[in-house]
Amino acid sequence: MKIILLLIILSLIVALGFLGAFFWAVKDGQYDDDVSPAMRILLDDQPSENNQTTSKKS
């Protein structure tokens, strides 16, 4: 019976640790910008002519 109580207490400590980490990430602004990372691929620069490679047949 003591081991069950110990496991419950440890699981609550771990759960509170994850909850605290989540709130810390939200407070730090980790989840503020959720639009631009998805749009970044659409706004990617076009490659210049010097960077394009052409395959030459022998």
PDB file of N, CA and C in Angstrom:
ATOM      1  N   MET A   1       0.822  -1.195   0.000  1.00  0.00           N
ATOM      2  CA  MET A   1       0.000   0.000   0.000  1.00  0.00           C
ATOM      3  C   MET A   1       0.865   1.258   0.000  1.00  0.00           C
ATOM      4  N   LYS A   2       2.030   1.169   0.632  1.00  0.00           N
ATOM      5  CA  LYS A   2       2.917   2.330   0.685  1.00  0.00           C
ATOM      6  C   LYS A   2       3.451   2.678  -0.706  1.00  0.00           C
ATOM      7  N   ILE A   3       3.687   1.657  -1.536  1.00  0.00           N
ATOM      8  CA  ILE A   3       4.234   1.921  -2.867  1.00  0.00           C
ATOM      9  C   ILE A   3       3.218   2.647  -3.751  1.00  0.00           C
ATOM     10  N   ILE A   4       1.931   2.325  -3.579  1.00  0.00           N
ATOM     11  CA  ILE A   4       0.901   3.016  -4.363  1.00  0.00           C
ATOM     12  C   ILE A   4       0.852   4.487  -3.976  1.00  0.00           C
ATOM     13  N   LEU A   5       0.923   4.767  -2.696  1.00  0.00           N
ATOM     14  CA  LEU A   5       0.928   6.152  -2.234  1.00  0.00           C
ATOM     15  C   LEU A   5       2.151   6.893  -2.745  1.00  0.00           C
ATOM     16  N   LEU A   6       3.293   6.221  -2.728  1.00  0.00           N
ATOM     17  CA  LEU A   6       4.521   6.826  -3.242  1.00  0.00           C
ATOM     18  C   LEU A   6       4.403   7.108  -4.741  1.00  0.00           C
ATOM     19  N   LEU A   7       3.860   6.172  -5.499  1.00  0.00           N
ATOM     20  CA  LEU A   7       3.713   6.377  -6.942  1.00  0.00           C
ATOM     21  C   LEU A   7       2.721   7.495  -7.261  1.00  0.00           C
ATOM     22  N   ILE A   8       1.661   7.605  -6.483  1.00  0.00           N
ATOM     23  CA  ILE A   8       0.700   8.694  -6.696  1.00  0.00           C
ATOM     24  C   ILE A   8       1.357  10.038  -6.424  1.00  0.00           C
ATOM     25  N   ILE A   9       2.110  10.132  -5.350  1.00  0.00           N
ATOM     26  CA  ILE A   9       2.785  11.387  -5.015  1.00  0.00           C
ATOM     27  C   ILE A   9       3.822  11.745  -6.086  1.00  0.00           C
ATOM     28  N   LEU A  10       4.598  10.758  -6.534  1.00  0.00           N
ATOM     29  CA  LEU A  10       5.591  11.029  -7.583  1.00  0.00           C
ATOM     30  C   LEU A  10       4.938  11.435  -8.895  1.00  0.00           C
ATOM     31  N   SER A  11       3.821  10.800  -9.244  1.00  0.00           N
ATOM     32  CA  SER A  11       3.146  11.171 -10.491  1.00  0.00           C
ATOM     33  C   SER A  11       2.564  12.576 -10.406  1.00  0.00           C
ATOM     34  N   LEU A  12       2.080  12.959  -9.242  1.00  0.00           N
ATOM     35  CA  LEU A  12       1.579  14.327  -9.079  1.00  0.00           C
ATOM     36  C   LEU A  12       2.713  15.345  -9.165  1.00  0.00           C
ATOM     37  N   ILE A  13       3.868  15.013  -8.627  1.00  0.00           N
ATOM     38  CA  ILE A  13       5.024  15.911  -8.719  1.00  0.00           C
ATOM     39  C   ILE A  13       5.463  16.072 -10.171  1.00  0.00           C
ATOM     40  N   VAL A  14       5.509  14.976 -10.912  1.00  0.00           N
ATOM     41  CA  VAL A  14       5.897  15.039 -12.329  1.00  0.00           C
ATOM     42  C   VAL A  14       4.861  15.829 -13.128  1.00  0.00           C
ATOM     43  N   ALA A  15       3.575  15.593 -12.857  1.00  0.00           N
ATOM     44  CA  ALA A  15       2.514  16.313 -13.565  1.00  0.00           C
ATOM     45  C   ALA A  15       2.586  17.811 -13.278  1.00  0.00           C
ATOM     46  N   LEU A  16       2.821  18.166 -12.025  1.00  0.00           N
ATOM     47  CA  LEU A  16       2.954  19.586 -11.688  1.00  0.00           C
ATOM     48  C   LEU A  16       4.195  20.195 -12.327  1.00  0.00           C
ATOM     49  N   GLY A  17       5.252  19.412 -12.477  1.00  0.00           N
ATOM     50  CA  GLY A  17       6.446  19.892 -13.169  1.00  0.00           C
ATOM     51  C   GLY A  17       6.171  20.199 -14.634  1.00  0.00           C
ATOM     52  N   PHE A  18       5.444  19.301 -15.302  1.00  0.00           N
ATOM     53  CA  PHE A  18       5.097  19.557 -16.696  1.00  0.00           C
ATOM     54  C   PHE A  18       4.143  20.737 -16.830  1.00  0.00           C
ATOM     55  N   LEU A  19       3.209  20.861 -15.911  1.00  0.00           N
ATOM     56  CA  LEU A  19       2.287  22.000 -15.946  1.00  0.00           C
ATOM     57  C   LEU A  19       3.040  23.309 -15.727  1.00  0.00           C
ATOM     58  N   GLY A  20       3.988  23.296 -14.796  1.00  0.00           N
ATOM     59  CA  GLY A  20       4.803  24.489 -14.567  1.00  0.00           C
ATOM     60  C   GLY A  20       5.650  24.836 -15.778  1.00  0.00           C
ATOM     61  N   ALA A  21       6.212  23.828 -16.457  1.00  0.00           N
ATOM     62  CA  ALA A  21       6.996  24.080 -17.669  1.00  0.00           C
ATOM     63  C   ALA A  21       6.126  24.653 -18.775  1.00  0.00           C
ATOM     64  N   PHE A  22       4.896  24.169 -18.874  1.00  0.00           N
ATOM     65  CA  PHE A  22       3.978  24.699 -19.886  1.00  0.00           C
ATOM     66  C   PHE A  22       3.656  26.165 -19.613  1.00  0.00           C
ATOM     67  N   PHE A  23       3.320  26.480 -18.374  1.00  0.00           N
ATOM     68  CA  PHE A  23       3.009  27.872 -18.043  1.00  0.00           C
ATOM     69  C   PHE A  23       4.230  28.779 -18.214  1.00  0.00           C
ATOM     70  N   TRP A  24       5.411  28.257 -17.931  1.00  0.00           N
ATOM     71  CA  TRP A  24       6.633  29.027 -18.128  1.00  0.00           C
ATOM     72  C   TRP A  24       6.844  29.316 -19.615  1.00  0.00           C
ATOM     73  N   ALA A  25       6.597  28.321 -20.477  1.00  0.00           N
ATOM     74  CA  ALA A  25       6.757  28.528 -21.916  1.00  0.00           C
ATOM     75  C   ALA A  25       5.734  29.529 -22.444  1.00  0.00           C
ATOM     76  N   VAL A  26       4.514  29.474 -21.942  1.00  0.00           N
ATOM     77  CA  VAL A  26       3.493  30.440 -22.367  1.00  0.00           C
ATOM     78  C   VAL A  26       3.873  31.842 -21.909  1.00  0.00           C
ATOM     79  N   LYS A  27       4.361  31.962 -20.688  1.00  0.00           N
ATOM     80  CA  LYS A  27       4.757  33.270 -20.153  1.00  0.00           C
ATOM     81  C   LYS A  27       5.952  33.845 -20.909  1.00  0.00           C
ATOM     82  N   ASP A  28       6.853  32.978 -21.352  1.00  0.00           N
ATOM     83  CA  ASP A  28       8.032  33.419 -22.094  1.00  0.00           C
ATOM     84  C   ASP A  28       7.715  33.798 -23.537  1.00  0.00           C
ATOM     85  N   GLY A  29       6.509  33.491 -24.013  1.00  0.00           N
ATOM     86  CA  GLY A  29       6.128  33.861 -25.366  1.00  0.00           C
ATOM     87  C   GLY A  29       6.423  32.794 -26.399  1.00  0.00           C
ATOM     88  N   GLN A  30       6.579  31.564 -25.988  1.00  0.00           N
ATOM     89  CA  GLN A  30       6.893  30.480 -26.912  1.00  0.00           C
ATOM     90  C   GLN A  30       5.783  30.265 -27.937  1.00  0.00           C
ATOM     91  N   TYR A  31       4.549  30.522 -27.542  1.00  0.00           N
ATOM     92  CA  TYR A  31       3.411  30.230 -28.414  1.00  0.00           C
ATOM     93  C   TYR A  31       2.755  31.497 -28.960  1.00  0.00           C
ATOM     94  N   ASP A  32       3.447  32.620 -28.937  1.00  0.00           N
ATOM     95  CA  ASP A  32       2.848  33.874 -29.378  1.00  0.00           C
ATOM     96  C   ASP A  32       2.622  33.922 -30.887  1.00  0.00           C
ATOM     97  N   ASP A  33       3.606  33.524 -31.657  1.00  0.00           N
ATOM     98  CA  ASP A  33       3.532  33.658 -33.112  1.00  0.00           C
ATOM     99  C   ASP A  33       3.243  32.296 -33.732  1.00  0.00           C
ATOM    100  N   ASP A  34       1.972  32.040 -34.038  1.00  0.00           N
ATOM    101  CA  ASP A  34       1.622  30.744 -34.612  1.00  0.00           C
ATOM    102  C   ASP A  34       1.248  30.843 -36.092  1.00  0.00           C
ATOM    103  N   VAL A  35       1.332  32.042 -36.687  1.00  0.00           N
ATOM    104  CA  VAL A  35       0.956  32.202 -38.088  1.00  0.00           C
ATOM    105  C   VAL A  35       2.173  32.252 -38.998  1.00  0.00           C
ATOM    106  N   SER A  36       3.182  33.035 -38.646  1.00  0.00           N
ATOM    107  CA  SER A  36       4.295  33.245 -39.566  1.00  0.00           C
ATOM    108  C   SER A  36       5.140  32.007 -39.839  1.00  0.00           C
ATOM    109  N   PRO A  37       5.355  31.066 -38.896  1.00  0.00           N
ATOM    110  CA  PRO A  37       6.125  29.879 -39.279  1.00  0.00           C
ATOM    111  C   PRO A  37       5.461  29.070 -40.390  1.00  0.00           C
ATOM    112  N   ALA A  38       4.144  29.028 -40.403  1.00  0.00           N
ATOM    113  CA  ALA A  38       3.447  28.311 -41.465  1.00  0.00           C
ATOM    114  C   ALA A  38       3.497  29.077 -42.780  1.00  0.00           C
ATOM    115  N   MET A  39       3.589  30.381 -42.719  1.00  0.00           N
ATOM    116  CA  MET A  39       3.594  31.202 -43.925  1.00  0.00           C
ATOM    117  C   MET A  39       5.017  31.423 -44.456  1.00  0.00           C
ATOM    118  N   ARG A  40       6.020  31.098 -43.670  1.00  0.00           N
ATOM    119  CA  ARG A  40       7.408  31.366 -44.050  1.00  0.00           C
ATOM    120  C   ARG A  40       7.783  30.648 -45.350  1.00  0.00           C
ATOM    121  N   ILE A  41       7.267  29.447 -45.553  1.00  0.00           N
ATOM    122  CA  ILE A  41       7.593  28.703 -46.767  1.00  0.00           C
ATOM    123  C   ILE A  41       7.029  29.398 -48.006  1.00  0.00           C
ATOM    124  N   LEU A  42       5.924  30.099 -47.849  1.00  0.00           N
ATOM    125  CA  LEU A  42       5.321  30.793 -48.983  1.00  0.00           C
ATOM    126  C   LEU A  42       6.064  32.079 -49.329  1.00  0.00           C
ATOM    127  N   LEU A  43       6.757  32.651 -48.365  1.00  0.00           N
ATOM    128  CA  LEU A  43       7.457  33.912 -48.575  1.00  0.00           C
ATOM    129  C   LEU A  43       8.939  33.715 -48.832  1.00  0.00           C
ATOM    130  N   ASP A  44       9.342  32.504 -49.128  1.00  0.00           N
ATOM    131  CA  ASP A  44      10.746  32.194 -49.355  1.00  0.00           C
ATOM    132  C   ASP A  44      11.231  32.900 -50.618  1.00  0.00           C
ATOM    133  N   ASP A  45      12.464  33.379 -50.589  1.00  0.00           N
ATOM    134  CA  ASP A  45      13.027  34.083 -51.738  1.00  0.00           C
ATOM    135  C   ASP A  45      13.219  33.131 -52.909  1.00  0.00           C
ATOM    136  N   GLN A  46      13.080  33.674 -54.101  1.00  0.00           N
ATOM    137  CA  GLN A  46      13.338  32.900 -55.310  1.00  0.00           C
ATOM    138  C   GLN A  46      14.844  32.790 -55.506  1.00  0.00           C
ATOM    139  N   PRO A  47      15.341  31.656 -55.956  1.00  0.00           N
ATOM    140  CA  PRO A  47      16.795  31.541 -56.178  1.00  0.00           C
ATOM    141  C   PRO A  47      17.241  32.433 -57.335  1.00  0.00           C
ATOM    142  N   SER A  48      18.410  33.019 -57.194  1.00  0.00           N
ATOM    143  CA  SER A  48      18.928  33.876 -58.259  1.00  0.00           C
ATOM    144  C   SER A  48      19.491  33.005 -59.377  1.00  0.00           C
ATOM    145  N   GLU A  49      19.813  33.636 -60.502  1.00  0.00           N
ATOM    146  CA  GLU A  49      20.319  32.893 -61.656  1.00  0.00           C
ATOM    147  C   GLU A  49      21.696  32.291 -61.372  1.00  0.00           C
ATOM    148  N   ASN A  50      22.470  32.922 -60.499  1.00  0.00           N
ATOM    149  CA  ASN A  50      23.809  32.410 -60.203  1.00  0.00           C
ATOM    150  C   ASN A  50      23.755  31.143 -59.366  1.00  0.00           C
ATOM    151  N   ASN A  51      22.689  30.965 -58.600  1.00  0.00           N
ATOM    152  CA  ASN A  51      22.592  29.810 -57.720  1.00  0.00           C
ATOM    153  C   ASN A  51      21.950  28.599 -58.376  1.00  0.00           C
ATOM    154  N   GLN A  52      21.330  28.790 -59.525  1.00  0.00           N
ATOM    155  CA  GLN A  52      20.659  27.669 -60.183  1.00  0.00           C
ATOM    156  C   GLN A  52      21.686  26.784 -60.852  1.00  0.00           C
ATOM    157  N   THR A  53      21.514  25.510 -60.731  1.00  0.00           N
ATOM    158  CA  THR A  53      22.415  24.562 -61.379  1.00  0.00           C
ATOM    159  C   THR A  53      21.699  23.945 -62.572  1.00  0.00           C
ATOM    160  N   THR A  54      22.446  23.744 -63.615  1.00  0.00           N
ATOM    161  CA  THR A  54      21.864  23.132 -64.806  1.00  0.00           C
ATOM    162  C   THR A  54      22.604  21.835 -65.039  1.00  0.00           C
ATOM    163  N   SER A  55      21.873  20.848 -65.473  1.00  0.00           N
ATOM    164  CA  SER A  55      22.520  19.571 -65.768  1.00  0.00           C
ATOM    165  C   SER A  55      22.862  19.540 -67.260  1.00  0.00           C
ATOM    166  N   LYS A  56      24.078  19.201 -67.547  1.00  0.00           N
ATOM    167  CA  LYS A  56      24.545  19.142 -68.932  1.00  0.00           C
ATOM    168  C   LYS A  56      24.683  17.690 -69.331  1.00  0.00           C
ATOM    169  N   LYS A  57      24.163  17.345 -70.477  1.00  0.00           N
ATOM    170  CA  LYS A  57      24.268  15.987 -70.976  1.00  0.00           C
ATOM    171  C   LYS A  57      25.581  15.820 -71.736  1.00  0.00           C
ATOM    172  N   SER A  58      26.253  14.709 -71.552  1.00  0.00           N
ATOM    173  CA  SER A  58      27.534  14.464 -72.215  1.00  0.00           C
ATOM    174  C   SER A  58      27.334  13.959 -73.608  1.00  0.00           C
TER     175      SER A  58
END
